[in-house]
Amino acid sequence: MASALQNAAVSLQSKIPPSARLPTNFTSPKPLNLSFSATFPSLNLSTTTTLRLRGGSALGTKMSAAAAGSYAAALADVAKSNNTLDATSSDMGKVDKLFSDTAVYDFFANPTVDTEKKRQMVDEFAKSSPLQPHTVNFVNILIDAKRIDLVKDIVKEFEMVYNSLTDTELAVVSSVVPLESQHLAQIAKQVQKLTGAKNVRVKPVIDPSLVAGFTVRYGNSGSKLIDMSVKKQLEEIAAQLDLSDIELAA
């Protein structure tokens, strides 16, 4: 799947002319009034609220987070109503990967690019990396509302809503090299014992700074940590030896 996503992103990127990408000094205009498809009836954001999201202040940040949460909740409602929560969660992972490509993101964020061209790109991606019809519709809603800038935050918010609805604990497992599937399964089982969650979803992350071993973050916003890394062991040894005053000869 990862290979298919990468190929899809590369394919889309190759179709994006340089002129359609955002210049580095570009400042996006204020978004227009939102008009939503009947598919997402629970999403109610006023024009006034939307226009204040770009303030750049703490208030603007909070309101952007609130908007992302509203979009995520609306998508979750639709997915729950048609019994596709798991499939939609998978879709959001694909969407997140797609928009992580800078060239692709710039294309969709560029206001000078025709909306219909953006929709065509979404359709093309959905064909190469299948998405639920309501997920495609949802991305098109973001395009029409000029809110594609929220896509990464929406993915994060949807993940939290999904975890809550399905009693799923997210365990972020960081390691220097990819861990074997059986090891990840063992970690998931241990986290399940610690939390009592019905389900545990493991998210592998590569972190070269750990030297060797792994860490596991889980709980509310990753507040709990299991650290089995060599990096931690080295730090503990250094602290015990207290070698800070020793200068090595050149």
C-alpha atoms as a PDB file:
ATOM      1  CA  MET A   1       0.000   0.000   0.000  1.00  0.00           C
ATOM      2  CA  ALA A   2       2.817   2.394   0.870  1.00  0.00           C
ATOM      3  CA  SER A   3       4.318   1.821  -2.563  1.00  0.00           C
ATOM      4  CA  ALA A   4       0.983   2.477  -4.255  1.00  0.00           C
ATOM      5  CA  LEU A   5       0.557   5.705  -2.310  1.00  0.00           C
ATOM      6  CA  GLN A   6       4.036   6.872  -3.200  1.00  0.00           C
ATOM      7  CA  ASN A   7       3.472   6.072  -6.874  1.00  0.00           C
ATOM      8  CA  ALA A   8       0.143   7.920  -6.797  1.00  0.00           C
ATOM      9  CA  ALA A   9       1.743  10.998  -5.249  1.00  0.00           C
ATOM     10  CA  VAL A  10       4.586  10.930  -7.767  1.00  0.00           C
ATOM     11  CA  SER A  11       2.079  10.543 -10.588  1.00  0.00           C
ATOM     12  CA  LEU A  12       0.094  13.534  -9.361  1.00  0.00           C
ATOM     13  CA  GLN A  13       3.238  15.579  -8.825  1.00  0.00           C
ATOM     14  CA  SER A  14       4.369  14.947 -12.400  1.00  0.00           C
ATOM     15  CA  LYS A  15       1.094  16.423 -13.650  1.00  0.00           C
ATOM     16  CA  ILE A  16       1.438  19.614 -11.625  1.00  0.00           C
ATOM     17  CA  PRO A  17       3.020  22.419 -13.670  1.00  0.00           C
ATOM     18  CA  PRO A  18       5.512  24.623 -11.778  1.00  0.00           C
ATOM     19  CA  SER A  19       3.250  27.603 -12.339  1.00  0.00           C
ATOM     20  CA  ALA A  20       0.516  25.920 -10.301  1.00  0.00           C
ATOM     21  CA  ARG A  21       2.670  25.669  -7.186  1.00  0.00           C
ATOM     22  CA  LEU A  22       2.593  28.247  -4.438  1.00  0.00           C
ATOM     23  CA  PRO A  23       5.476  30.741  -4.334  1.00  0.00           C
ATOM     24  CA  THR A  24       7.352  30.748  -1.021  1.00  0.00           C
ATOM     25  CA  ASN A  25       6.127  34.234  -0.140  1.00  0.00           C
ATOM     26  CA  PHE A  26       2.488  33.528  -1.008  1.00  0.00           C
ATOM     27  CA  THR A  27      -0.160  34.477   1.554  1.00  0.00           C
ATOM     28  CA  SER A  28      -3.472  32.715   1.032  1.00  0.00           C
ATOM     29  CA  PRO A  29      -6.514  34.978   0.902  1.00  0.00           C
ATOM     30  CA  LYS A  30      -9.242  34.678   3.504  1.00  0.00           C
ATOM     31  CA  PRO A  31     -11.504  31.696   2.796  1.00  0.00           C
ATOM     32  CA  LEU A  32     -14.934  32.218   1.319  1.00  0.00           C
ATOM     33  CA  ASN A  33     -18.220  31.235   2.919  1.00  0.00           C
ATOM     34  CA  LEU A  34     -18.551  27.485   3.369  1.00  0.00           C
ATOM     35  CA  SER A  35     -21.211  25.596   1.439  1.00  0.00           C
ATOM     36  CA  PHE A  36     -21.521  21.959   2.391  1.00  0.00           C
ATOM     37  CA  SER A  37     -22.878  18.923   0.641  1.00  0.00           C
ATOM     38  CA  ALA A  38     -25.933  17.296   2.160  1.00  0.00           C
ATOM     39  CA  THR A  39     -23.638  14.378   2.869  1.00  0.00           C
ATOM     40  CA  PHE A  40     -22.220  16.296   5.842  1.00  0.00           C
ATOM     41  CA  PRO A  41     -25.292  17.882   7.495  1.00  0.00           C
ATOM     42  CA  SER A  42     -23.772  18.055  10.989  1.00  0.00           C
ATOM     43  CA  LEU A  43     -21.025  20.481   9.970  1.00  0.00           C
ATOM     44  CA  ASN A  44     -22.133  24.007  10.867  1.00  0.00           C
ATOM     45  CA  LEU A  45     -19.513  26.752  10.706  1.00  0.00           C
ATOM     46  CA  SER A  46     -20.603  30.322  10.149  1.00  0.00           C
ATOM     47  CA  THR A  47     -18.967  32.661   7.657  1.00  0.00           C
ATOM     48  CA  THR A  48     -17.908  34.929  10.520  1.00  0.00           C
ATOM     49  CA  THR A  49     -16.162  32.072  12.290  1.00  0.00           C
ATOM     50  CA  THR A  50     -14.418  30.974   9.126  1.00  0.00           C
ATOM     51  CA  LEU A  51     -13.124  34.428   8.284  1.00  0.00           C
ATOM     52  CA  ARG A  52     -11.483  34.713  11.703  1.00  0.00           C
ATOM     53  CA  LEU A  53      -9.511  31.480  11.395  1.00  0.00           C
ATOM     54  CA  ARG A  54      -6.531  33.066   9.651  1.00  0.00           C
ATOM     55  CA  GLY A  55      -5.766  35.615  12.384  1.00  0.00           C
ATOM     56  CA  GLY A  56      -2.388  34.128  13.250  1.00  0.00           C
ATOM     57  CA  SER A  57      -3.075  34.717  16.973  1.00  0.00           C
ATOM     58  CA  ALA A  58      -3.702  32.194  19.721  1.00  0.00           C
ATOM     59  CA  LEU A  59      -7.410  32.742  19.115  1.00  0.00           C
ATOM     60  CA  GLY A  60      -6.962  32.015  15.426  1.00  0.00           C
ATOM     61  CA  THR A  61      -5.076  28.816  16.237  1.00  0.00           C
ATOM     62  CA  LYS A  62      -7.800  27.663  18.624  1.00  0.00           C
ATOM     63  CA  MET A  63     -10.500  28.397  16.085  1.00  0.00           C
ATOM     64  CA  SER A  64      -8.594  26.532  13.376  1.00  0.00           C
ATOM     65  CA  ALA A  65      -8.375  23.550  15.716  1.00  0.00           C
ATOM     66  CA  ALA A  66     -12.105  23.840  16.374  1.00  0.00           C
ATOM     67  CA  ALA A  67     -12.804  23.930  12.644  1.00  0.00           C
ATOM     68  CA  ALA A  68     -10.629  20.855  12.052  1.00  0.00           C
ATOM     69  CA  GLY A  69     -12.450  19.084  14.874  1.00  0.00           C
ATOM     70  CA  SER A  70     -15.827  19.944  13.340  1.00  0.00           C
ATOM     71  CA  TYR A  71     -14.794  18.605   9.944  1.00  0.00           C
ATOM     72  CA  ALA A  72     -13.402  15.420  11.516  1.00  0.00           C
ATOM     73  CA  ALA A  73     -16.538  14.871  13.601  1.00  0.00           C
ATOM     74  CA  ALA A  74     -18.746  15.345  10.530  1.00  0.00           C
ATOM     75  CA  LEU A  75     -16.729  12.809   8.554  1.00  0.00           C
ATOM     76  CA  ALA A  76     -16.844  10.359  11.465  1.00  0.00           C
ATOM     77  CA  ASP A  77     -20.629  10.746  11.672  1.00  0.00           C
ATOM     78  CA  VAL A  78     -20.988   9.841   8.015  1.00  0.00           C
ATOM     79  CA  ALA A  79     -18.595   6.899   8.316  1.00  0.00           C
ATOM     80  CA  LYS A  80     -20.398   5.624  11.409  1.00  0.00           C
ATOM     81  CA  SER A  81     -23.807   5.918   9.769  1.00  0.00           C
ATOM     82  CA  ASN A  82     -22.768   3.735   6.821  1.00  0.00           C
ATOM     83  CA  ASN A  83     -20.612   1.369   8.913  1.00  0.00           C
ATOM     84  CA  THR A  84     -17.295   2.304   7.263  1.00  0.00           C
ATOM     85  CA  LEU A  85     -15.331   3.695  10.200  1.00  0.00           C
ATOM     86  CA  ASP A  86     -12.383   1.358   9.668  1.00  0.00           C
ATOM     87  CA  ALA A  87     -12.281   1.940   5.914  1.00  0.00           C
ATOM     88  CA  THR A  88     -12.556   5.708   6.404  1.00  0.00           C
ATOM     89  CA  SER A  89      -9.729   5.629   8.935  1.00  0.00           C
ATOM     90  CA  SER A  90      -7.612   3.875   6.319  1.00  0.00           C
ATOM     91  CA  ASP A  91      -8.660   6.516   3.780  1.00  0.00           C
ATOM     92  CA  MET A  92      -7.496   9.327   6.046  1.00  0.00           C
ATOM     93  CA  GLY A  93      -4.096   7.688   6.272  1.00  0.00           C
ATOM     94  CA  LYS A  94      -3.903   7.758   2.476  1.00  0.00           C
ATOM     95  CA  VAL A  95      -5.030  11.400   2.375  1.00  0.00           C
ATOM     96  CA  ASP A  96      -2.440  12.316   4.997  1.00  0.00           C
ATOM     97  CA  LYS A  97       0.320  10.641   2.984  1.00  0.00           C
ATOM     98  CA  LEU A  98      -0.808  12.341  -0.236  1.00  0.00           C
ATOM     99  CA  PHE A  99      -0.807  15.855   1.227  1.00  0.00           C
ATOM    100  CA  SER A 100       2.540  15.267   2.921  1.00  0.00           C
ATOM    101  CA  ASP A 101       4.030  15.728  -0.554  1.00  0.00           C
ATOM    102  CA  THR A 102       4.865  19.437  -0.729  1.00  0.00           C
ATOM    103  CA  ALA A 103       4.264  19.758  -4.473  1.00  0.00           C
ATOM    104  CA  VAL A 104       0.847  18.113  -4.201  1.00  0.00           C
ATOM    105  CA  TYR A 105      -0.139  20.260  -1.225  1.00  0.00           C
ATOM    106  CA  ASP A 106       0.988  23.458  -2.966  1.00  0.00           C
ATOM    107  CA  PHE A 107      -1.062  22.561  -6.022  1.00  0.00           C
ATOM    108  CA  PHE A 108      -4.266  22.165  -4.004  1.00  0.00           C
ATOM    109  CA  ALA A 109      -3.561  25.232  -1.845  1.00  0.00           C
ATOM    110  CA  ASN A 110      -2.888  27.470  -4.861  1.00  0.00           C
ATOM    111  CA  PRO A 111      -5.980  29.708  -5.402  1.00  0.00           C
ATOM    112  CA  THR A 112      -5.019  30.393  -9.019  1.00  0.00           C
ATOM    113  CA  VAL A 113      -5.546  26.749  -9.977  1.00  0.00           C
ATOM    114  CA  ASP A 114      -9.048  26.013 -11.248  1.00  0.00           C
ATOM    115  CA  THR A 115     -11.206  24.095  -8.751  1.00  0.00           C
ATOM    116  CA  GLU A 116     -12.245  21.611 -11.415  1.00  0.00           C
ATOM    117  CA  LYS A 117      -8.609  20.693 -12.054  1.00  0.00           C
ATOM    118  CA  LYS A 118      -8.168  20.009  -8.351  1.00  0.00           C
ATOM    119  CA  ARG A 119     -11.243  17.789  -8.363  1.00  0.00           C
ATOM    120  CA  GLN A 120      -9.859  15.881 -11.329  1.00  0.00           C
ATOM    121  CA  MET A 121      -6.642  15.294  -9.415  1.00  0.00           C
ATOM    122  CA  VAL A 122      -8.624  13.930  -6.459  1.00  0.00           C
ATOM    123  CA  ASP A 123     -10.521  11.565  -8.760  1.00  0.00           C
ATOM    124  CA  GLU A 124      -7.273  10.371 -10.294  1.00  0.00           C
ATOM    125  CA  PHE A 125      -5.771   9.696  -6.883  1.00  0.00           C
ATOM    126  CA  ALA A 126      -8.926   7.869  -5.768  1.00  0.00           C
ATOM    127  CA  LYS A 127      -8.606   5.558  -8.777  1.00  0.00           C
ATOM    128  CA  SER A 128      -4.940   4.730  -8.160  1.00  0.00           C
ATOM    129  CA  SER A 129      -5.386   4.369  -4.399  1.00  0.00           C
ATOM    130  CA  PRO A 130      -9.077   3.518  -3.817  1.00  0.00           C
ATOM    131  CA  LEU A 131     -11.041   5.748  -1.435  1.00  0.00           C
ATOM    132  CA  GLN A 132     -14.583   5.560  -0.096  1.00  0.00           C
ATOM    133  CA  PRO A 133     -16.975   7.760  -2.145  1.00  0.00           C
ATOM    134  CA  HIS A 134     -17.733   9.898   0.917  1.00  0.00           C
ATOM    135  CA  THR A 135     -13.990  10.429   1.501  1.00  0.00           C
ATOM    136  CA  VAL A 136     -13.600  11.729  -2.052  1.00  0.00           C
ATOM    137  CA  ASN A 137     -16.617  13.956  -1.511  1.00  0.00           C
ATOM    138  CA  PHE A 138     -15.125  15.189   1.748  1.00  0.00           C
ATOM    139  CA  VAL A 139     -11.810  16.193   0.147  1.00  0.00           C
ATOM    140  CA  ASN A 140     -13.753  17.999  -2.578  1.00  0.00           C
ATOM    141  CA  ILE A 141     -15.671  19.881   0.118  1.00  0.00           C
ATOM    142  CA  LEU A 142     -12.368  21.079   1.580  1.00  0.00           C
ATOM    143  CA  ILE A 143     -11.305  22.213  -1.885  1.00  0.00           C
ATOM    144  CA  ASP A 144     -14.572  24.093  -2.502  1.00  0.00           C
ATOM    145  CA  ALA A 145     -14.421  25.701   0.944  1.00  0.00           C
ATOM    146  CA  LYS A 146     -10.756  26.664   0.439  1.00  0.00           C
ATOM    147  CA  ARG A 147      -9.891  24.814   3.651  1.00  0.00           C
ATOM    148  CA  ILE A 148      -7.302  22.376   2.333  1.00  0.00           C
ATOM    149  CA  ASP A 149      -4.886  24.021   4.780  1.00  0.00           C
ATOM    150  CA  LEU A 150      -6.699  22.136   7.552  1.00  0.00           C
ATOM    151  CA  VAL A 151      -6.227  18.683   6.060  1.00  0.00           C
ATOM    152  CA  LYS A 152      -3.346  17.578   8.330  1.00  0.00           C
ATOM    153  CA  ASP A 153      -5.156  18.774  11.460  1.00  0.00           C
ATOM    154  CA  ILE A 154      -8.362  17.084  10.313  1.00  0.00           C
ATOM    155  CA  VAL A 155      -6.493  13.784   9.930  1.00  0.00           C
ATOM    156  CA  LYS A 156      -5.229  14.062  13.522  1.00  0.00           C
ATOM    157  CA  GLU A 157      -8.652  15.015  14.853  1.00  0.00           C
ATOM    158  CA  PHE A 158     -10.324  12.173  12.967  1.00  0.00           C
ATOM    159  CA  GLU A 159      -7.816   9.731  14.445  1.00  0.00           C
ATOM    160  CA  MET A 160      -8.796  10.828  17.954  1.00  0.00           C
ATOM    161  CA  VAL A 161     -12.522  10.602  17.172  1.00  0.00           C
ATOM    162  CA  TYR A 162     -12.033   7.158  15.635  1.00  0.00           C
ATOM    163  CA  ASN A 163     -10.060   5.931  18.644  1.00  0.00           C
ATOM    164  CA  SER A 164     -12.765   7.175  20.997  1.00  0.00           C
ATOM    165  CA  LEU A 165     -15.615   5.595  19.030  1.00  0.00           C
ATOM    166  CA  THR A 166     -13.886   2.237  18.714  1.00  0.00           C
ATOM    167  CA  ASP A 167     -12.221   2.152  22.174  1.00  0.00           C
ATOM    168  CA  THR A 168      -8.846   2.025  20.457  1.00  0.00           C
ATOM    169  CA  GLU A 169      -5.547   2.911  22.118  1.00  0.00           C
ATOM    170  CA  LEU A 170      -2.905   4.367  19.832  1.00  0.00           C
ATOM    171  CA  ALA A 171       0.626   3.135  20.520  1.00  0.00           C
ATOM    172  CA  VAL A 172       3.380   5.000  18.673  1.00  0.00           C
ATOM    173  CA  VAL A 173       6.359   2.658  18.448  1.00  0.00           C
ATOM    174  CA  SER A 174       9.639   4.376  17.552  1.00  0.00           C
ATOM    175  CA  SER A 175      12.708   2.373  16.542  1.00  0.00           C
ATOM    176  CA  VAL A 176      15.901   2.757  14.543  1.00  0.00           C
ATOM    177  CA  VAL A 177      14.901   0.050  12.054  1.00  0.00           C
ATOM    178  CA  PRO A 178      11.453  -1.400  11.293  1.00  0.00           C
ATOM    179  CA  LEU A 179      10.376  -3.975  13.879  1.00  0.00           C
ATOM    180  CA  GLU A 180       9.082  -7.394  12.895  1.00  0.00           C
ATOM    181  CA  SER A 181       5.299  -7.819  12.852  1.00  0.00           C
ATOM    182  CA  GLN A 182       5.403 -10.348  15.705  1.00  0.00           C
ATOM    183  CA  HIS A 183       7.280  -7.851  17.879  1.00  0.00           C
ATOM    184  CA  LEU A 184       4.737  -5.146  17.144  1.00  0.00           C
ATOM    185  CA  ALA A 185       1.979  -7.609  18.039  1.00  0.00           C
ATOM    186  CA  GLN A 186       3.667  -8.307  21.384  1.00  0.00           C
ATOM    187  CA  ILE A 187       3.917  -4.581  22.084  1.00  0.00           C
ATOM    188  CA  ALA A 188       0.239  -4.133  21.210  1.00  0.00           C
ATOM    189  CA  LYS A 189      -0.722  -6.937  23.597  1.00  0.00           C
ATOM    190  CA  GLN A 190       1.276  -5.362  26.423  1.00  0.00           C
ATOM    191  CA  VAL A 191      -0.260  -1.919  25.843  1.00  0.00           C
ATOM    192  CA  GLN A 192      -3.703  -3.527  25.864  1.00  0.00           C
ATOM    193  CA  LYS A 193      -2.945  -5.069  29.265  1.00  0.00           C
ATOM    194  CA  LEU A 194      -1.751  -1.730  30.617  1.00  0.00           C
ATOM    195  CA  THR A 195      -4.706   0.297  29.347  1.00  0.00           C
ATOM    196  CA  GLY A 196      -7.591  -2.167  29.234  1.00  0.00           C
ATOM    197  CA  ALA A 197      -8.500  -0.841  25.784  1.00  0.00           C
ATOM    198  CA  LYS A 198     -10.652  -2.994  23.512  1.00  0.00           C
ATOM    199  CA  ASN A 199      -8.295  -2.429  20.597  1.00  0.00           C
ATOM    200  CA  VAL A 200      -4.703  -1.250  20.170  1.00  0.00           C
ATOM    201  CA  ARG A 201      -3.447   0.323  16.961  1.00  0.00           C
ATOM    202  CA  VAL A 202       0.308   0.377  16.522  1.00  0.00           C
ATOM    203  CA  LYS A 203       1.874   3.230  14.557  1.00  0.00           C
ATOM    204  CA  PRO A 204       5.542   2.478  13.699  1.00  0.00           C
ATOM    205  CA  VAL A 205       7.940   5.437  13.446  1.00  0.00           C
ATOM    206  CA  ILE A 206      11.629   5.382  12.478  1.00  0.00           C
ATOM    207  CA  ASP A 207      13.856   7.407  14.838  1.00  0.00           C
ATOM    208  CA  PRO A 208      17.651   7.037  14.226  1.00  0.00           C
ATOM    209  CA  SER A 209      18.457   9.042  17.375  1.00  0.00           C
ATOM    210  CA  LEU A 210      17.490   6.082  19.567  1.00  0.00           C
ATOM    211  CA  VAL A 211      20.731   4.251  18.582  1.00  0.00           C
ATOM    212  CA  ALA A 212      19.007   0.887  19.119  1.00  0.00           C
ATOM    213  CA  GLY A 213      15.978  -0.534  20.890  1.00  0.00           C
ATOM    214  CA  PHE A 214      12.573   1.159  20.823  1.00  0.00           C
ATOM    215  CA  THR A 215      10.141   3.430  22.659  1.00  0.00           C
ATOM    216  CA  VAL A 216       6.364   3.174  22.989  1.00  0.00           C
ATOM    217  CA  ARG A 217       4.151   6.211  23.577  1.00  0.00           C
ATOM    218  CA  TYR A 218       0.492   5.742  24.443  1.00  0.00           C
ATOM    219  CA  GLY A 219      -2.202   7.293  26.610  1.00  0.00           C
ATOM    220  CA  ASN A 220      -3.766  10.723  26.235  1.00  0.00           C
ATOM    221  CA  SER A 221      -1.675  12.625  23.667  1.00  0.00           C
ATOM    222  CA  GLY A 222       1.192  10.161  24.170  1.00  0.00           C
ATOM    223  CA  SER A 223       1.551  11.080  27.832  1.00  0.00           C
ATOM    224  CA  LYS A 224       2.850   7.631  28.850  1.00  0.00           C
ATOM    225  CA  LEU A 225       6.185   6.244  27.727  1.00  0.00           C
ATOM    226  CA  ILE A 226       7.899   2.864  27.682  1.00  0.00           C
ATOM    227  CA  ASP A 227      11.549   3.513  26.871  1.00  0.00           C
ATOM    228  CA  MET A 228      13.620   0.493  25.876  1.00  0.00           C
ATOM    229  CA  SER A 229      16.139   2.444  23.794  1.00  0.00           C
ATOM    230  CA  VAL A 230      19.914   2.332  23.983  1.00  0.00           C
ATOM    231  CA  LYS A 231      19.863   6.125  23.974  1.00  0.00           C
ATOM    232  CA  LYS A 232      18.136   6.125  27.359  1.00  0.00           C
ATOM    233  CA  GLN A 233      20.576   3.558  28.745  1.00  0.00           C
ATOM    234  CA  LEU A 234      23.538   5.650  27.614  1.00  0.00           C
ATOM    235  CA  GLU A 235      22.043   8.771  29.194  1.00  0.00           C
ATOM    236  CA  GLU A 236      21.519   6.901  32.469  1.00  0.00           C
ATOM    237  CA  ILE A 237      25.095   5.597  32.434  1.00  0.00           C
ATOM    238  CA  ALA A 238      26.451   9.082  31.741  1.00  0.00           C
ATOM    239  CA  ALA A 239      24.378  10.495  34.594  1.00  0.00           C
ATOM    240  CA  GLN A 240      25.602   7.820  37.019  1.00  0.00           C
ATOM    241  CA  LEU A 241      29.253   8.277  36.078  1.00  0.00           C
ATOM    242  CA  ASP A 242      28.974  12.084  36.111  1.00  0.00           C
ATOM    243  CA  LEU A 243      31.797  12.534  33.598  1.00  0.00           C
ATOM    244  CA  SER A 244      30.899  16.091  32.689  1.00  0.00           C
ATOM    245  CA  ASP A 245      34.115  17.529  34.253  1.00  0.00           C
ATOM    246  CA  ILE A 246      36.485  15.155  32.461  1.00  0.00           C
ATOM    247  CA  GLU A 247      38.191  16.521  29.357  1.00  0.00           C
ATOM    248  CA  LEU A 248      39.391  14.055  26.782  1.00  0.00           C
ATOM    249  CA  ALA A 249      42.923  14.534  25.389  1.00  0.00           C
ATOM    250  CA  ALA A 250      43.097  15.729  21.813  1.00  0.00           C
END
